[in-house]
Amino acid sequence: MVVEKEIHKSFAFENKKSNTMVIFIHGILEGPNQFKEFAEIVHKEGFSYSAVLLDGHGKSGKDFGRSNKNKWLDTVEKEILKHKDKYENIILVGHSMGSLISLLFTLKYKNKIKGLVLISAPLKVFVKFNMMISSIKVALGRIREEDILVKPCTKSF
């Protein structure tokens, strides 16, 4: 059984009383679903939030192959620009590659970005063969129910 390919979509909530926007940025071959539990916590605290879907992610391997770093950066920058005048504070939460993107934009928008949460920042690359195979399976949408290494990548929280 092959799992549905388009399982990741961006999501957001704006609390009109909040002066803080939390922007969640996923890593490579991932999606915003990994932030649903975090978003619930942010929501309970009364903050606004947005979880972006980077270009080429959450679809097919071909879609991913047509995308690139500049499109990913453009997605995040558009999200920051959309909120920078509405909110006094922007907090970026990035996982893996998303943490590197967060660092980049914190330097560019240092007067607006008031906080960073970096999860598994890839400051040192450690690659195993089975990790590469799993990433290729996810990118190509070839995820089988019984594949214990790949299946968690599709989990919707």
N, C-alpha and C. Protein backbone atom coordinates (compact mmCIF):
# COMPACT_ATOMS: atom_id res chain seq x y z
N MET A 1 0.83 -1.19 0.00
CA MET A 1 0.00 0.00 0.00
C MET A 1 0.87 1.25 0.00
N VAL A 2 0.65 2.15 -0.92
CA VAL A 2 1.39 3.40 -0.99
C VAL A 2 0.55 4.49 -0.34
N VAL A 3 1.19 5.29 0.52
CA VAL A 3 0.51 6.36 1.25
C VAL A 3 0.27 7.55 0.32
N GLU A 4 -0.80 8.28 0.57
CA GLU A 4 -1.15 9.47 -0.21
C GLU A 4 0.04 10.43 -0.30
N LYS A 5 0.30 10.99 -1.49
CA LYS A 5 1.46 11.84 -1.70
C LYS A 5 1.29 13.24 -1.13
N GLU A 6 0.12 13.85 -1.28
CA GLU A 6 -0.08 15.22 -0.83
C GLU A 6 -0.71 15.25 0.56
N ILE A 7 0.10 15.07 1.58
CA ILE A 7 -0.42 15.07 2.93
C ILE A 7 -0.05 16.34 3.69
N HIS A 8 0.84 17.13 3.15
CA HIS A 8 1.30 18.33 3.85
C HIS A 8 0.71 19.59 3.24
N LYS A 9 0.17 20.44 4.11
CA LYS A 9 -0.35 21.73 3.69
C LYS A 9 0.01 22.76 4.75
N SER A 10 0.21 23.99 4.33
CA SER A 10 0.48 25.04 5.30
C SER A 10 -0.78 25.27 6.13
N PHE A 11 -0.61 25.84 7.30
CA PHE A 11 -1.74 26.19 8.15
C PHE A 11 -1.37 27.41 8.99
N ALA A 12 -2.39 28.14 9.44
CA ALA A 12 -2.13 29.38 10.20
C ALA A 12 -3.32 29.73 11.07
N PHE A 13 -3.07 30.55 12.06
CA PHE A 13 -4.12 31.11 12.91
C PHE A 13 -3.65 32.50 13.34
N GLU A 14 -4.53 33.47 13.22
CA GLU A 14 -4.19 34.82 13.66
C GLU A 14 -5.11 35.24 14.79
N ASN A 15 -4.51 35.55 15.93
CA ASN A 15 -5.22 36.07 17.08
C ASN A 15 -5.09 37.59 17.01
N LYS A 16 -6.19 38.27 16.79
CA LYS A 16 -6.17 39.73 16.59
C LYS A 16 -5.66 40.48 17.83
N LYS A 17 -5.67 39.82 18.99
CA LYS A 17 -5.20 40.45 20.22
C LYS A 17 -3.70 40.23 20.45
N SER A 18 -3.09 39.40 19.64
CA SER A 18 -1.68 39.05 19.82
C SER A 18 -0.76 40.06 19.15
N ASN A 19 0.38 40.31 19.79
CA ASN A 19 1.41 41.15 19.17
C ASN A 19 2.58 40.29 18.69
N THR A 20 2.39 38.96 18.72
CA THR A 20 3.47 38.04 18.36
C THR A 20 2.99 37.00 17.34
N MET A 21 3.78 36.84 16.29
CA MET A 21 3.54 35.82 15.26
C MET A 21 4.68 34.81 15.34
N VAL A 22 4.33 33.54 15.45
CA VAL A 22 5.31 32.46 15.44
C VAL A 22 5.23 31.79 14.07
N ILE A 23 6.36 31.75 13.37
CA ILE A 23 6.41 31.15 12.03
C ILE A 23 7.23 29.86 12.12
N PHE A 24 6.58 28.76 11.75
CA PHE A 24 7.23 27.45 11.77
C PHE A 24 7.76 27.12 10.38
N ILE A 25 9.04 26.68 10.32
CA ILE A 25 9.70 26.38 9.05
C ILE A 25 10.26 24.96 9.12
N HIS A 26 9.74 24.09 8.26
CA HIS A 26 10.16 22.69 8.28
C HIS A 26 11.50 22.49 7.56
N GLY A 27 12.01 21.28 7.67
CA GLY A 27 13.27 20.93 7.02
C GLY A 27 13.06 20.29 5.67
N ILE A 28 14.15 19.85 5.09
CA ILE A 28 14.12 19.27 3.76
C ILE A 28 13.37 17.93 3.80
N LEU A 29 12.54 17.70 2.79
CA LEU A 29 11.71 16.50 2.66
C LEU A 29 10.75 16.32 3.83
N GLU A 30 10.36 17.42 4.45
CA GLU A 30 9.41 17.37 5.57
C GLU A 30 8.23 18.27 5.22
N GLY A 31 7.45 18.62 6.21
CA GLY A 31 6.30 19.49 5.99
C GLY A 31 5.81 20.09 7.29
N PRO A 32 4.84 20.98 7.19
CA PRO A 32 4.35 21.69 8.37
C PRO A 32 3.63 20.82 9.40
N ASN A 33 3.17 19.64 9.02
CA ASN A 33 2.44 18.79 9.97
C ASN A 33 3.24 18.51 11.24
N GLN A 34 4.54 18.48 11.14
CA GLN A 34 5.36 18.17 12.31
C GLN A 34 5.21 19.23 13.40
N PHE A 35 4.63 20.39 13.05
CA PHE A 35 4.49 21.48 14.02
C PHE A 35 3.09 21.60 14.62
N LYS A 36 2.19 20.67 14.31
CA LYS A 36 0.81 20.81 14.80
C LYS A 36 0.72 20.84 16.32
N GLU A 37 1.46 19.99 16.99
CA GLU A 37 1.43 19.99 18.47
C GLU A 37 2.02 21.29 19.02
N PHE A 38 3.10 21.76 18.42
CA PHE A 38 3.68 23.04 18.84
C PHE A 38 2.71 24.18 18.62
N ALA A 39 2.01 24.15 17.49
CA ALA A 39 1.03 25.19 17.16
C ALA A 39 -0.10 25.23 18.20
N GLU A 40 -0.51 24.06 18.69
CA GLU A 40 -1.54 24.02 19.73
C GLU A 40 -1.07 24.73 21.00
N ILE A 41 0.18 24.53 21.36
CA ILE A 41 0.75 25.19 22.54
C ILE A 41 0.81 26.69 22.32
N VAL A 42 1.28 27.10 21.15
CA VAL A 42 1.36 28.53 20.82
C VAL A 42 -0.03 29.15 20.87
N HIS A 43 -1.01 28.43 20.34
CA HIS A 43 -2.40 28.90 20.33
C HIS A 43 -2.91 29.09 21.77
N LYS A 44 -2.65 28.13 22.65
CA LYS A 44 -3.08 28.22 24.05
C LYS A 44 -2.45 29.40 24.76
N GLU A 45 -1.25 29.79 24.33
CA GLU A 45 -0.57 30.94 24.92
C GLU A 45 -1.08 32.27 24.36
N GLY A 46 -1.94 32.20 23.35
CA GLY A 46 -2.56 33.41 22.81
C GLY A 46 -1.81 34.06 21.66
N PHE A 47 -0.82 33.37 21.12
CA PHE A 47 -0.05 33.92 20.01
C PHE A 47 -0.65 33.52 18.67
N SER A 48 -0.33 34.26 17.64
CA SER A 48 -0.66 33.89 16.27
C SER A 48 0.43 32.95 15.76
N TYR A 49 0.10 32.15 14.75
CA TYR A 49 1.13 31.26 14.20
C TYR A 49 0.85 30.98 12.73
N SER A 50 1.93 30.57 12.06
CA SER A 50 1.87 30.18 10.66
C SER A 50 2.90 29.09 10.43
N ALA A 51 2.49 28.02 9.78
CA ALA A 51 3.42 26.94 9.43
C ALA A 51 3.46 26.87 7.91
N VAL A 52 4.60 27.22 7.34
CA VAL A 52 4.72 27.30 5.88
C VAL A 52 5.02 25.92 5.28
N LEU A 53 4.63 25.77 4.03
CA LEU A 53 5.02 24.60 3.24
C LEU A 53 6.00 25.10 2.19
N LEU A 54 7.23 24.67 2.30
CA LEU A 54 8.26 25.11 1.35
C LEU A 54 7.98 24.52 -0.03
N ASP A 55 8.28 25.31 -1.05
CA ASP A 55 8.04 24.92 -2.44
C ASP A 55 8.62 23.54 -2.73
N GLY A 56 7.84 22.72 -3.43
CA GLY A 56 8.30 21.41 -3.85
C GLY A 56 8.13 20.32 -2.82
N HIS A 57 7.77 20.68 -1.60
CA HIS A 57 7.59 19.70 -0.53
C HIS A 57 6.13 19.28 -0.45
N GLY A 58 5.92 18.08 0.08
CA GLY A 58 4.57 17.58 0.29
C GLY A 58 3.88 17.10 -0.97
N LYS A 59 4.62 16.94 -2.04
CA LYS A 59 4.03 16.47 -3.29
C LYS A 59 4.89 15.34 -3.83
N SER A 60 5.15 15.36 -5.12
CA SER A 60 5.92 14.27 -5.73
C SER A 60 7.41 14.58 -5.76
N GLY A 61 8.19 13.55 -6.10
CA GLY A 61 9.63 13.74 -6.27
C GLY A 61 9.93 14.70 -7.40
N LYS A 62 9.08 14.68 -8.45
CA LYS A 62 9.27 15.62 -9.57
C LYS A 62 9.09 17.05 -9.10
N ASP A 63 8.05 17.29 -8.28
CA ASP A 63 7.84 18.63 -7.74
C ASP A 63 9.04 19.09 -6.92
N PHE A 64 9.54 18.17 -6.10
CA PHE A 64 10.70 18.50 -5.28
C PHE A 64 11.91 18.80 -6.17
N GLY A 65 12.09 18.00 -7.21
CA GLY A 65 13.21 18.19 -8.13
C GLY A 65 13.17 19.51 -8.89
N ARG A 66 11.98 20.05 -9.08
CA ARG A 66 11.83 21.33 -9.79
C ARG A 66 12.02 22.53 -8.87
N SER A 67 12.10 22.27 -7.59
CA SER A 67 12.24 23.35 -6.63
C SER A 67 13.72 23.61 -6.35
N ASN A 68 13.98 24.64 -5.55
CA ASN A 68 15.36 24.95 -5.19
C ASN A 68 15.40 25.86 -3.98
N LYS A 69 16.60 26.07 -3.49
CA LYS A 69 16.84 26.88 -2.29
C LYS A 69 16.23 28.26 -2.40
N ASN A 70 16.33 28.89 -3.56
CA ASN A 70 15.80 30.25 -3.71
C ASN A 70 14.28 30.29 -3.55
N LYS A 71 13.59 29.27 -4.04
CA LYS A 71 12.14 29.19 -3.87
C LYS A 71 11.78 28.99 -2.40
N TRP A 72 12.57 28.20 -1.68
CA TRP A 72 12.31 27.98 -0.26
C TRP A 72 12.50 29.28 0.52
N LEU A 73 13.59 29.98 0.20
CA LEU A 73 13.84 31.25 0.88
C LEU A 73 12.75 32.26 0.56
N ASP A 74 12.29 32.26 -0.68
CA ASP A 74 11.23 33.18 -1.10
C ASP A 74 9.93 32.91 -0.32
N THR A 75 9.60 31.65 -0.12
CA THR A 75 8.41 31.28 0.64
C THR A 75 8.47 31.86 2.05
N VAL A 76 9.60 31.68 2.70
CA VAL A 76 9.75 32.16 4.08
C VAL A 76 9.76 33.68 4.13
N GLU A 77 10.47 34.30 3.20
CA GLU A 77 10.52 35.77 3.23
C GLU A 77 9.15 36.38 2.99
N LYS A 78 8.37 35.81 2.09
CA LYS A 78 7.01 36.31 1.86
C LYS A 78 6.18 36.20 3.14
N GLU A 79 6.36 35.13 3.87
CA GLU A 79 5.61 34.95 5.12
C GLU A 79 6.03 35.99 6.16
N ILE A 80 7.31 36.26 6.26
CA ILE A 80 7.80 37.28 7.20
C ILE A 80 7.26 38.65 6.79
N LEU A 81 7.35 38.97 5.51
CA LEU A 81 6.88 40.28 5.04
C LEU A 81 5.38 40.45 5.24
N LYS A 82 4.64 39.37 5.12
CA LYS A 82 3.19 39.41 5.30
C LYS A 82 2.81 39.82 6.74
N HIS A 83 3.68 39.48 7.68
CA HIS A 83 3.35 39.71 9.09
C HIS A 83 4.18 40.78 9.79
N LYS A 84 5.24 41.26 9.17
CA LYS A 84 6.18 42.12 9.89
C LYS A 84 5.60 43.46 10.31
N ASP A 85 4.63 43.98 9.58
CA ASP A 85 4.03 45.26 9.97
C ASP A 85 2.83 45.09 10.90
N LYS A 86 2.26 43.89 10.95
CA LYS A 86 1.10 43.63 11.81
C LYS A 86 1.50 43.26 13.24
N TYR A 87 2.68 42.68 13.38
CA TYR A 87 3.09 42.14 14.67
C TYR A 87 4.37 42.81 15.17
N GLU A 88 4.37 43.10 16.46
CA GLU A 88 5.54 43.70 17.10
C GLU A 88 6.69 42.70 17.15
N ASN A 89 6.34 41.44 17.36
CA ASN A 89 7.35 40.38 17.51
C ASN A 89 7.09 39.24 16.53
N ILE A 90 8.17 38.77 15.94
CA ILE A 90 8.11 37.55 15.13
C ILE A 90 9.11 36.57 15.73
N ILE A 91 8.64 35.35 15.92
CA ILE A 91 9.51 34.28 16.42
C ILE A 91 9.56 33.22 15.34
N LEU A 92 10.76 32.82 14.96
CA LEU A 92 10.93 31.76 13.96
C LEU A 92 11.28 30.46 14.67
N VAL A 93 10.56 29.42 14.28
CA VAL A 93 10.83 28.07 14.80
C VAL A 93 11.19 27.23 13.59
N GLY A 94 12.44 26.78 13.55
CA GLY A 94 12.89 26.00 12.40
C GLY A 94 13.41 24.64 12.80
N HIS A 95 13.08 23.65 11.98
CA HIS A 95 13.61 22.31 12.20
C HIS A 95 14.59 21.96 11.08
N SER A 96 15.77 21.49 11.45
CA SER A 96 16.78 21.05 10.50
C SER A 96 17.12 22.18 9.52
N MET A 97 16.88 21.96 8.23
CA MET A 97 17.16 23.03 7.26
C MET A 97 16.36 24.29 7.60
N GLY A 98 15.17 24.12 8.15
CA GLY A 98 14.35 25.26 8.56
C GLY A 98 15.04 26.12 9.61
N SER A 99 15.87 25.49 10.43
CA SER A 99 16.62 26.27 11.43
C SER A 99 17.70 27.12 10.75
N LEU A 100 18.31 26.60 9.70
CA LEU A 100 19.31 27.40 8.96
C LEU A 100 18.64 28.57 8.25
N ILE A 101 17.47 28.32 7.67
CA ILE A 101 16.71 29.40 7.02
C ILE A 101 16.33 30.45 8.06
N SER A 102 15.93 30.00 9.25
CA SER A 102 15.58 30.92 10.33
C SER A 102 16.75 31.81 10.71
N LEU A 103 17.93 31.22 10.80
CA LEU A 103 19.13 32.01 11.12
C LEU A 103 19.39 33.07 10.06
N LEU A 104 19.26 32.69 8.80
CA LEU A 104 19.46 33.64 7.70
C LEU A 104 18.54 34.86 7.82
N PHE A 105 17.25 34.61 8.03
CA PHE A 105 16.30 35.70 8.08
C PHE A 105 16.37 36.50 9.38
N THR A 106 16.88 35.90 10.43
CA THR A 106 17.08 36.66 11.66
C THR A 106 18.15 37.73 11.44
N LEU A 107 19.15 37.40 10.67
CA LEU A 107 20.18 38.39 10.34
C LEU A 107 19.60 39.51 9.47
N LYS A 108 18.74 39.15 8.54
CA LYS A 108 18.17 40.14 7.62
C LYS A 108 17.12 41.03 8.28
N TYR A 109 16.31 40.46 9.16
CA TYR A 109 15.21 41.19 9.81
C TYR A 109 15.41 41.26 11.32
N LYS A 110 16.62 41.61 11.74
CA LYS A 110 16.96 41.56 13.17
C LYS A 110 16.12 42.49 14.04
N ASN A 111 15.52 43.55 13.46
CA ASN A 111 14.68 44.44 14.25
C ASN A 111 13.29 43.88 14.48
N LYS A 112 12.86 42.93 13.69
CA LYS A 112 11.53 42.37 13.80
C LYS A 112 11.52 40.97 14.41
N ILE A 113 12.53 40.19 14.12
CA ILE A 113 12.57 38.82 14.64
C ILE A 113 13.17 38.86 16.04
N LYS A 114 12.31 38.57 17.01
CA LYS A 114 12.70 38.72 18.41
C LYS A 114 13.11 37.42 19.07
N GLY A 115 12.91 36.30 18.37
CA GLY A 115 13.27 35.03 18.97
C GLY A 115 13.44 33.94 17.94
N LEU A 116 14.23 32.95 18.33
CA LEU A 116 14.51 31.79 17.48
C LEU A 116 14.40 30.52 18.30
N VAL A 117 13.79 29.52 17.71
CA VAL A 117 13.82 28.19 18.29
C VAL A 117 14.38 27.30 17.19
N LEU A 118 15.56 26.74 17.43
CA LEU A 118 16.23 25.92 16.43
C LEU A 118 16.21 24.46 16.89
N ILE A 119 15.57 23.63 16.09
CA ILE A 119 15.43 22.22 16.43
C ILE A 119 16.28 21.40 15.46
N SER A 120 17.21 20.64 15.99
CA SER A 120 18.09 19.79 15.19
C SER A 120 18.79 20.57 14.08
N ALA A 121 19.37 21.69 14.45
CA ALA A 121 20.11 22.50 13.48
C ALA A 121 21.29 21.69 12.93
N PRO A 122 21.37 21.56 11.60
CA PRO A 122 22.43 20.73 11.01
C PRO A 122 23.77 21.47 10.94
N LEU A 123 24.37 21.62 12.08
CA LEU A 123 25.66 22.31 12.11
C LEU A 123 26.80 21.36 11.78
N LYS A 124 26.52 20.08 11.83
CA LYS A 124 27.47 19.06 11.41
C LYS A 124 26.67 17.99 10.68
N VAL A 125 27.04 17.68 9.47
CA VAL A 125 26.30 16.71 8.67
C VAL A 125 26.73 15.31 9.03
N PHE A 126 25.74 14.45 9.33
CA PHE A 126 25.98 13.05 9.64
C PHE A 126 24.99 12.25 8.80
N VAL A 127 25.47 11.55 7.80
CA VAL A 127 24.59 10.83 6.88
C VAL A 127 24.87 9.34 6.97
N LYS A 128 23.78 8.57 7.07
CA LYS A 128 23.87 7.12 7.03
C LYS A 128 23.20 6.64 5.75
N PHE A 129 23.61 5.52 5.26
CA PHE A 129 23.06 4.99 4.02
C PHE A 129 21.54 4.80 4.12
N ASN A 130 21.06 4.21 5.21
CA ASN A 130 19.61 3.97 5.34
C ASN A 130 18.83 5.29 5.42
N MET A 131 19.45 6.35 5.92
CA MET A 131 18.79 7.66 5.95
C MET A 131 18.64 8.21 4.53
N MET A 132 19.65 7.99 3.70
CA MET A 132 19.57 8.45 2.31
C MET A 132 18.47 7.69 1.57
N ILE A 133 18.41 6.38 1.74
CA ILE A 133 17.38 5.57 1.08
C ILE A 133 15.99 6.01 1.53
N SER A 134 15.81 6.24 2.84
CA SER A 134 14.52 6.69 3.35
C SER A 134 14.12 8.03 2.76
N SER A 135 15.06 8.95 2.66
CA SER A 135 14.78 10.28 2.09
C SER A 135 14.37 10.17 0.63
N ILE A 136 15.02 9.29 -0.11
CA ILE A 136 14.67 9.09 -1.53
C ILE A 136 13.26 8.52 -1.64
N LYS A 137 12.91 7.56 -0.79
CA LYS A 137 11.56 6.99 -0.81
C LYS A 137 10.51 8.07 -0.53
N VAL A 138 10.76 8.93 0.45
CA VAL A 138 9.82 10.01 0.76
C VAL A 138 9.70 10.96 -0.42
N ALA A 139 10.83 11.34 -0.99
CA ALA A 139 10.82 12.28 -2.12
C ALA A 139 10.05 11.73 -3.31
N LEU A 140 10.14 10.43 -3.53
CA LEU A 140 9.45 9.81 -4.66
C LEU A 140 8.02 9.37 -4.32
N GLY A 141 7.64 9.55 -3.07
CA GLY A 141 6.30 9.15 -2.65
C GLY A 141 6.12 7.65 -2.58
N ARG A 142 7.19 6.91 -2.39
CA ARG A 142 7.12 5.44 -2.34
C ARG A 142 7.20 4.97 -0.89
N ILE A 143 6.16 5.28 -0.18
CA ILE A 143 6.13 4.98 1.25
C ILE A 143 5.16 3.84 1.48
N ARG A 144 5.67 2.77 2.00
CA ARG A 144 4.84 1.59 2.27
C ARG A 144 4.49 1.54 3.76
N GLU A 145 3.31 1.09 4.03
CA GLU A 145 2.80 1.02 5.40
C GLU A 145 3.75 0.27 6.33
N GLU A 146 4.37 -0.79 5.82
CA GLU A 146 5.22 -1.65 6.66
C GLU A 146 6.66 -1.13 6.80
N ASP A 147 7.00 -0.05 6.15
CA ASP A 147 8.36 0.48 6.19
C ASP A 147 8.56 1.31 7.46
N ILE A 148 9.17 0.70 8.49
CA ILE A 148 9.27 1.35 9.79
C ILE A 148 10.25 2.54 9.82
N LEU A 149 11.13 2.64 8.85
CA LEU A 149 12.05 3.77 8.80
C LEU A 149 11.43 4.98 8.09
N VAL A 150 10.56 4.72 7.15
CA VAL A 150 9.99 5.81 6.32
C VAL A 150 8.61 6.25 6.81
N LYS A 151 7.82 5.33 7.32
CA LYS A 151 6.44 5.62 7.72
C LYS A 151 6.33 6.82 8.68
N PRO A 152 7.19 6.98 9.67
CA PRO A 152 7.05 8.13 10.58
C PRO A 152 7.14 9.49 9.87
N CYS A 153 7.77 9.54 8.72
CA CYS A 153 7.89 10.80 7.96
C CYS A 153 6.54 11.28 7.45
N THR A 154 5.56 10.40 7.39
CA THR A 154 4.24 10.75 6.86
C THR A 154 3.23 11.01 7.96
N LYS A 155 3.65 10.87 9.19
CA LYS A 155 2.71 10.98 10.31
C LYS A 155 2.08 12.39 10.35
N SER A 156 0.78 12.43 10.40
CA SER A 156 0.05 13.68 10.57
C SER A 156 -0.27 13.80 12.05
N PHE A 157 0.21 14.85 12.66
CA PHE A 157 0.01 15.03 14.11
C PHE A 157 -1.35 15.58 14.42
